[in-house]
Amino acid sequence: GGTSLAPGSPGAQWMALAGLKQRRLAGGRADL
């Protein structure tokens, strides 16, 4: 459904270790 991660969350921190910067999204969701 496009559910995503909040910047600064543990998931986003793991993303950063992989070299990926989680984008900030309104409502924590990636819309089409």
PDB file of all heavy atoms in Angstrom:
ATOM      1  N   GLY A   1       0.787  -1.217   0.000  1.00  0.00           N
ATOM      2  CA  GLY A   1       0.000   0.000   0.000  1.00  0.00           C
ATOM      3  C   GLY A   1       0.819   1.266   0.000  1.00  0.00           C
ATOM      4  O   GLY A   1       0.270   2.365   0.089  1.00  0.00           O
ATOM      5  N   GLY A   2       2.151   1.142  -0.066  1.00  0.00           N
ATOM      6  CA  GLY A   2       3.014   2.319  -0.064  1.00  0.00           C
ATOM      7  C   GLY A   2       3.462   2.780   1.304  1.00  0.00           C
ATOM      8  O   GLY A   2       4.105   3.826   1.433  1.00  0.00           O
ATOM      9  N   THR A   3       3.124   2.017   2.355  1.00  0.00           N
ATOM     10  CA  THR A   3       3.576   2.377   3.699  1.00  0.00           C
ATOM     11  C   THR A   3       5.094   2.466   3.727  1.00  0.00           C
ATOM     12  O   THR A   3       5.786   1.610   3.169  1.00  0.00           O
ATOM     13  CB  THR A   3       3.096   1.330   4.725  1.00  0.00           C
ATOM     14  OG1 THR A   3       1.671   1.270   4.697  1.00  0.00           O
ATOM     15  CG2 THR A   3       3.549   1.699   6.127  1.00  0.00           C
ATOM     16  N   SER A   4       5.609   3.512   4.384  1.00  0.00           N
ATOM     17  CA  SER A   4       7.052   3.735   4.352  1.00  0.00           C
ATOM     18  C   SER A   4       7.598   3.952   5.762  1.00  0.00           C
ATOM     19  O   SER A   4       6.944   3.600   6.752  1.00  0.00           O
ATOM     20  CB  SER A   4       7.377   4.927   3.444  1.00  0.00           C
ATOM     21  OG  SER A   4       8.761   5.000   3.192  1.00  0.00           O
ATOM     22  N   LEU A   5       8.808   4.497   5.841  1.00  0.00           N
ATOM     23  CA  LEU A   5       9.502   4.719   7.104  1.00  0.00           C
ATOM     24  C   LEU A   5       9.628   6.203   7.395  1.00  0.00           C
ATOM     25  O   LEU A   5       9.782   7.010   6.477  1.00  0.00           O
ATOM     26  CB  LEU A   5      10.907   4.114   7.049  1.00  0.00           C
ATOM     27  CG  LEU A   5      11.026   2.627   6.740  1.00  0.00           C
ATOM     28  CD1 LEU A   5      12.487   2.278   6.475  1.00  0.00           C
ATOM     29  CD2 LEU A   5      10.477   1.796   7.897  1.00  0.00           C
ATOM     30  N   ALA A   6       9.613   6.559   8.659  1.00  0.00           N
ATOM     31  CA  ALA A   6       9.839   7.943   9.044  1.00  0.00           C
ATOM     32  C   ALA A   6      11.332   8.203   9.131  1.00  0.00           C
ATOM     33  O   ALA A   6      12.081   7.383   9.669  1.00  0.00           O
ATOM     34  CB  ALA A   6       9.187   8.225  10.395  1.00  0.00           C
ATOM     35  N   PRO A   7      11.806   9.333   8.600  1.00  0.00           N
ATOM     36  CA  PRO A   7      13.220   9.689   8.765  1.00  0.00           C
ATOM     37  C   PRO A   7      13.581   9.719  10.251  1.00  0.00           C
ATOM     38  O   PRO A   7      12.818  10.215  11.075  1.00  0.00           O
ATOM     39  CB  PRO A   7      13.309  11.084   8.144  1.00  0.00           C
ATOM     40  CG  PRO A   7      12.183  11.128   7.165  1.00  0.00           C
ATOM     41  CD  PRO A   7      11.071  10.331   7.802  1.00  0.00           C
ATOM     42  N   GLY A   8      14.718   9.159  10.588  1.00  0.00           N
ATOM     43  CA  GLY A   8      15.141   9.113  11.985  1.00  0.00           C
ATOM     44  C   GLY A   8      14.672   7.878  12.724  1.00  0.00           C
ATOM     45  O   GLY A   8      15.140   7.607  13.835  1.00  0.00           O
ATOM     46  N   SER A   9      13.750   7.121  12.144  1.00  0.00           N
ATOM     47  CA  SER A   9      13.277   5.889  12.774  1.00  0.00           C
ATOM     48  C   SER A   9      14.374   4.832  12.722  1.00  0.00           C
ATOM     49  O   SER A   9      15.339   4.955  11.949  1.00  0.00           O
ATOM     50  CB  SER A   9      12.038   5.377  12.056  1.00  0.00           C
ATOM     51  OG  SER A   9      12.366   4.979  10.728  1.00  0.00           O
ATOM     52  N   PRO A  10      14.265   3.776  13.536  1.00  0.00           N
ATOM     53  CA  PRO A  10      15.275   2.708  13.446  1.00  0.00           C
ATOM     54  C   PRO A  10      15.415   2.152  12.031  1.00  0.00           C
ATOM     55  O   PRO A  10      16.529   1.913  11.564  1.00  0.00           O
ATOM     56  CB  PRO A  10      14.740   1.652  14.416  1.00  0.00           C
ATOM     57  CG  PRO A  10      13.939   2.419  15.416  1.00  0.00           C
ATOM     58  CD  PRO A  10      13.303   3.533  14.636  1.00  0.00           C
ATOM     59  N   GLY A  11      14.293   1.983  11.330  1.00  0.00           N
ATOM     60  CA  GLY A  11      14.359   1.490   9.961  1.00  0.00           C
ATOM     61  C   GLY A  11      15.145   2.421   9.060  1.00  0.00           C
ATOM     62  O   GLY A  11      15.953   1.982   8.231  1.00  0.00           O
ATOM     63  N   ALA A  12      14.918   3.729   9.193  1.00  0.00           N
ATOM     64  CA  ALA A  12      15.647   4.701   8.379  1.00  0.00           C
ATOM     65  C   ALA A  12      17.130   4.709   8.742  1.00  0.00           C
ATOM     66  O   ALA A  12      17.988   4.939   7.873  1.00  0.00           O
ATOM     67  CB  ALA A  12      15.050   6.088   8.579  1.00  0.00           C
ATOM     68  N   GLN A  13      17.446   4.450   9.995  1.00  0.00           N
ATOM     69  CA  GLN A  13      18.851   4.376  10.397  1.00  0.00           C
ATOM     70  C   GLN A  13      19.535   3.161   9.766  1.00  0.00           C
ATOM     71  O   GLN A  13      20.688   3.240   9.332  1.00  0.00           O
ATOM     72  CB  GLN A  13      18.960   4.319  11.922  1.00  0.00           C
ATOM     73  CG  GLN A  13      18.557   5.608  12.618  1.00  0.00           C
ATOM     74  CD  GLN A  13      18.619   5.494  14.128  1.00  0.00           C
ATOM     75  OE1 GLN A  13      19.523   4.878  14.692  1.00  0.00           O
ATOM     76  NE2 GLN A  13      17.646   6.103  14.796  1.00  0.00           N
ATOM     77  N   TRP A  14      18.834   2.043   9.700  1.00  0.00           N
ATOM     78  CA  TRP A  14      19.382   0.874   9.016  1.00  0.00           C
ATOM     79  C   TRP A  14      19.547   1.172   7.522  1.00  0.00           C
ATOM     80  O   TRP A  14      20.524   0.753   6.897  1.00  0.00           O
ATOM     81  CB  TRP A  14      18.494  -0.348   9.228  1.00  0.00           C
ATOM     82  CG  TRP A  14      18.543  -0.947  10.599  1.00  0.00           C
ATOM     83  CD1 TRP A  14      17.545  -0.998  11.523  1.00  0.00           C
ATOM     84  CD2 TRP A  14      19.665  -1.606  11.205  1.00  0.00           C
ATOM     85  NE1 TRP A  14      17.957  -1.633  12.659  1.00  0.00           N
ATOM     86  CE2 TRP A  14      19.264  -2.015  12.493  1.00  0.00           C
ATOM     87  CE3 TRP A  14      20.964  -1.870  10.782  1.00  0.00           C
ATOM     88  CZ2 TRP A  14      20.116  -2.693  13.370  1.00  0.00           C
ATOM     89  CZ3 TRP A  14      21.825  -2.552  11.651  1.00  0.00           C
ATOM     90  CH2 TRP A  14      21.403  -2.952  12.917  1.00  0.00           C
ATOM     91  N   MET A  15      18.592   1.887   6.946  1.00  0.00           N
ATOM     92  CA  MET A  15      18.716   2.291   5.544  1.00  0.00           C
ATOM     93  C   MET A  15      19.999   3.090   5.338  1.00  0.00           C
ATOM     94  O   MET A  15      20.741   2.876   4.366  1.00  0.00           O
ATOM     95  CB  MET A  15      17.511   3.132   5.133  1.00  0.00           C
ATOM     96  CG  MET A  15      16.209   2.363   4.986  1.00  0.00           C
ATOM     97  SD  MET A  15      15.905   1.838   3.296  1.00  0.00           S
ATOM     98  CE  MET A  15      15.415   3.394   2.540  1.00  0.00           C
ATOM     99  N   ALA A  16      20.269   4.009   6.238  1.00  0.00           N
ATOM    100  CA  ALA A  16      21.455   4.855   6.113  1.00  0.00           C
ATOM    101  C   ALA A  16      22.734   4.029   6.149  1.00  0.00           C
ATOM    102  O   ALA A  16      23.697   4.325   5.429  1.00  0.00           O
ATOM    103  CB  ALA A  16      21.463   5.913   7.216  1.00  0.00           C
ATOM    104  N   LEU A  17      22.750   2.966   6.963  1.00  0.00           N
ATOM    105  CA  LEU A  17      23.927   2.102   6.996  1.00  0.00           C
ATOM    106  C   LEU A  17      24.133   1.387   5.667  1.00  0.00           C
ATOM    107  O   LEU A  17      25.256   1.026   5.320  1.00  0.00           O
ATOM    108  CB  LEU A  17      23.798   1.065   8.114  1.00  0.00           C
ATOM    109  CG  LEU A  17      24.223   1.481   9.518  1.00  0.00           C
ATOM    110  CD1 LEU A  17      24.223   0.270  10.436  1.00  0.00           C
ATOM    111  CD2 LEU A  17      25.588   2.134   9.518  1.00  0.00           C
ATOM    112  N   ALA A  18      23.043   1.194   4.929  1.00  0.00           N
ATOM    113  CA  ALA A  18      23.144   0.571   3.601  1.00  0.00           C
ATOM    114  C   ALA A  18      23.499   1.589   2.523  1.00  0.00           C
ATOM    115  O   ALA A  18      23.668   1.227   1.357  1.00  0.00           O
ATOM    116  CB  ALA A  18      21.831  -0.126   3.257  1.00  0.00           C
ATOM    117  N   GLY A  19      23.593   2.879   2.902  1.00  0.00           N
ATOM    118  CA  GLY A  19      23.896   3.927   1.942  1.00  0.00           C
ATOM    119  C   GLY A  19      22.664   4.521   1.293  1.00  0.00           C
ATOM    120  O   GLY A  19      22.741   5.079   0.197  1.00  0.00           O
ATOM    121  N   LEU A  20      21.542   4.441   1.988  1.00  0.00           N
ATOM    122  CA  LEU A  20      20.264   4.909   1.446  1.00  0.00           C
ATOM    123  C   LEU A  20      19.648   5.943   2.378  1.00  0.00           C
ATOM    124  O   LEU A  20      19.460   5.683   3.567  1.00  0.00           O
ATOM    125  CB  LEU A  20      19.300   3.725   1.279  1.00  0.00           C
ATOM    126  CG  LEU A  20      19.785   2.603   0.349  1.00  0.00           C
ATOM    127  CD1 LEU A  20      18.911   1.372   0.497  1.00  0.00           C
ATOM    128  CD2 LEU A  20      19.801   3.082  -1.091  1.00  0.00           C
ATOM    129  N   LYS A  21      19.325   7.101   1.850  1.00  0.00           N
ATOM    130  CA  LYS A  21      18.701   8.155   2.641  1.00  0.00           C
ATOM    131  C   LYS A  21      17.197   8.107   2.442  1.00  0.00           C
ATOM    132  O   LYS A  21      16.682   8.417   1.363  1.00  0.00           O
ATOM    133  CB  LYS A  21      19.240   9.527   2.238  1.00  0.00           C
ATOM    134  CG  LYS A  21      18.675  10.659   3.098  1.00  0.00           C
ATOM    135  CD  LYS A  21      19.279  12.002   2.728  1.00  0.00           C
ATOM    136  CE  LYS A  21      18.720  13.105   3.620  1.00  0.00           C
ATOM    137  NZ  LYS A  21      19.295  14.424   3.269  1.00  0.00           N
ATOM    138  N   GLN A  22      16.493   7.700   3.476  1.00  0.00           N
ATOM    139  CA  GLN A  22      15.045   7.611   3.403  1.00  0.00           C
ATOM    140  C   GLN A  22      14.443   8.995   3.212  1.00  0.00           C
ATOM    141  O   GLN A  22      14.683   9.910   4.000  1.00  0.00           O
ATOM    142  CB  GLN A  22      14.487   6.959   4.675  1.00  0.00           C
ATOM    143  CG  GLN A  22      12.976   7.047   4.850  1.00  0.00           C
ATOM    144  CD  GLN A  22      12.211   6.262   3.802  1.00  0.00           C
ATOM    145  OE1 GLN A  22      12.685   5.261   3.296  1.00  0.00           O
ATOM    146  NE2 GLN A  22      11.013   6.721   3.466  1.00  0.00           N
ATOM    147  N   ARG A  23      13.653   9.137   2.180  1.00  0.00           N
ATOM    148  CA  ARG A  23      13.036  10.428   1.896  1.00  0.00           C
ATOM    149  C   ARG A  23      11.884  10.701   2.865  1.00  0.00           C
ATOM    150  O   ARG A  23      11.137   9.789   3.240  1.00  0.00           O
ATOM    151  CB  ARG A  23      12.501  10.447   0.458  1.00  0.00           C
ATOM    152  CG  ARG A  23      12.046  11.830   0.013  1.00  0.00           C
ATOM    153  CD  ARG A  23      11.372  11.782  -1.345  1.00  0.00           C
ATOM    154  NE  ARG A  23      12.269  11.368  -2.424  1.00  0.00           N
ATOM    155  CZ  ARG A  23      11.860  11.230  -3.687  1.00  0.00           C
ATOM    156  NH1 ARG A  23      10.592  11.475  -4.002  1.00  0.00           N
ATOM    157  NH2 ARG A  23      12.703  10.843  -4.627  1.00  0.00           N
ATOM    158  N   ARG A  24      11.741  11.951   3.255  1.00  0.00           N
ATOM    159  CA  ARG A  24      10.619  12.343   4.111  1.00  0.00           C
ATOM    160  C   ARG A  24       9.354  12.376   3.271  1.00  0.00           C
ATOM    161  O   ARG A  24       9.300  13.019   2.226  1.00  0.00           O
ATOM    162  CB  ARG A  24      10.875  13.706   4.740  1.00  0.00           C
ATOM    163  CG  ARG A  24       9.825  14.134   5.772  1.00  0.00           C
ATOM    164  CD  ARG A  24      10.201  15.466   6.403  1.00  0.00           C
ATOM    165  NE  ARG A  24      11.469  15.384   7.093  1.00  0.00           N
ATOM    166  CZ  ARG A  24      11.612  14.949   8.342  1.00  0.00           C
ATOM    167  NH1 ARG A  24      10.539  14.542   9.013  1.00  0.00           N
ATOM    168  NH2 ARG A  24      12.801  14.910   8.904  1.00  0.00           N
ATOM    169  N   LEU A  25       8.317  11.689   3.729  1.00  0.00           N
ATOM    170  CA  LEU A  25       7.071  11.574   2.974  1.00  0.00           C
ATOM    171  C   LEU A  25       5.895  12.019   3.829  1.00  0.00           C
ATOM    172  O   LEU A  25       5.815  11.684   5.018  1.00  0.00           O
ATOM    173  CB  LEU A  25       6.848  10.120   2.526  1.00  0.00           C
ATOM    174  CG  LEU A  25       7.941   9.510   1.634  1.00  0.00           C
ATOM    175  CD1 LEU A  25       7.755   8.001   1.550  1.00  0.00           C
ATOM    176  CD2 LEU A  25       7.898  10.136   0.245  1.00  0.00           C
ATOM    177  N   ALA A  26       4.995  12.730   3.233  1.00  0.00           N
ATOM    178  CA  ALA A  26       3.796  13.168   3.946  1.00  0.00           C
ATOM    179  C   ALA A  26       2.989  11.950   4.379  1.00  0.00           C
ATOM    180  O   ALA A  26       2.695  11.069   3.574  1.00  0.00           O
ATOM    181  CB  ALA A  26       2.953  14.064   3.042  1.00  0.00           C
ATOM    182  N   GLY A  27       2.655  11.903   5.662  1.00  0.00           N
ATOM    183  CA  GLY A  27       1.857  10.802   6.170  1.00  0.00           C
ATOM    184  C   GLY A  27       2.595   9.485   6.242  1.00  0.00           C
ATOM    185  O   GLY A  27       1.981   8.442   6.491  1.00  0.00           O
ATOM    186  N   GLY A  28       3.920   9.508   6.031  1.00  0.00           N
ATOM    187  CA  GLY A  28       4.694   8.276   6.104  1.00  0.00           C
ATOM    188  C   GLY A  28       4.327   7.269   5.032  1.00  0.00           C
ATOM    189  O   GLY A  28       4.467   6.055   5.230  1.00  0.00           O
ATOM    190  N   ARG A  29       3.910   7.779   3.879  1.00  0.00           N
ATOM    191  CA  ARG A  29       3.450   6.870   2.816  1.00  0.00           C
ATOM    192  C   ARG A  29       3.924   7.380   1.462  1.00  0.00           C
ATOM    193  O   ARG A  29       3.901   8.580   1.186  1.00  0.00           O
ATOM    194  CB  ARG A  29       1.921   6.771   2.834  1.00  0.00           C
ATOM    195  CG  ARG A  29       1.342   5.797   1.824  1.00  0.00           C
ATOM    196  CD  ARG A  29      -0.175   5.677   2.007  1.00  0.00           C
ATOM    197  NE  ARG A  29      -0.755   4.777   1.028  1.00  0.00           N
ATOM    198  CZ  ARG A  29      -1.101   5.136  -0.201  1.00  0.00           C
ATOM    199  NH1 ARG A  29      -0.948   6.401  -0.594  1.00  0.00           N
ATOM    200  NH2 ARG A  29      -1.613   4.264  -1.034  1.00  0.00           N
ATOM    201  N   ALA A  30       4.329   6.468   0.595  1.00  0.00           N
ATOM    202  CA  ALA A  30       4.730   6.802  -0.767  1.00  0.00           C
ATOM    203  C   ALA A  30       3.499   6.702  -1.665  1.00  0.00           C
ATOM    204  O   ALA A  30       3.044   5.607  -1.980  1.00  0.00           O
ATOM    205  CB  ALA A  30       5.812   5.846  -1.255  1.00  0.00           C
ATOM    206  N   ASP A  31       2.946   7.851  -2.075  1.00  0.00           N
ATOM    207  CA  ASP A  31       1.783   7.791  -2.951  1.00  0.00           C
ATOM    208  C   ASP A  31       2.243   7.664  -4.401  1.00  0.00           C
ATOM    209  O   ASP A  31       3.403   7.924  -4.754  1.00  0.00           O
ATOM    210  CB  ASP A  31       0.885   9.014  -2.757  1.00  0.00           C
ATOM    211  CG  ASP A  31       1.614  10.323  -2.989  1.00  0.00           C
ATOM    212  OD1 ASP A  31       2.187  10.506  -4.083  1.00  0.00           O
ATOM    213  OD2 ASP A  31       1.630  11.167  -2.067  1.00  0.00           O
ATOM    214  N   LEU A  32       1.340   7.270  -5.248  1.00  0.00           N
ATOM    215  CA  LEU A  32       1.673   7.017  -6.648  1.00  0.00           C
ATOM    216  C   LEU A  32       2.130   8.284  -7.359  1.00  0.00           C
ATOM    217  O   LEU A  32       3.001   8.240  -8.230  1.00  0.00           O
ATOM    218  CB  LEU A  32       0.471   6.395  -7.359  1.00  0.00           C
ATOM    219  CG  LEU A  32       0.070   5.005  -6.848  1.00  0.00           C
ATOM    220  CD1 LEU A  32      -1.235   4.555  -7.499  1.00  0.00           C
ATOM    221  CD2 LEU A  32       1.172   3.987  -7.119  1.00  0.00           C
TER     222      LEU A  32
END
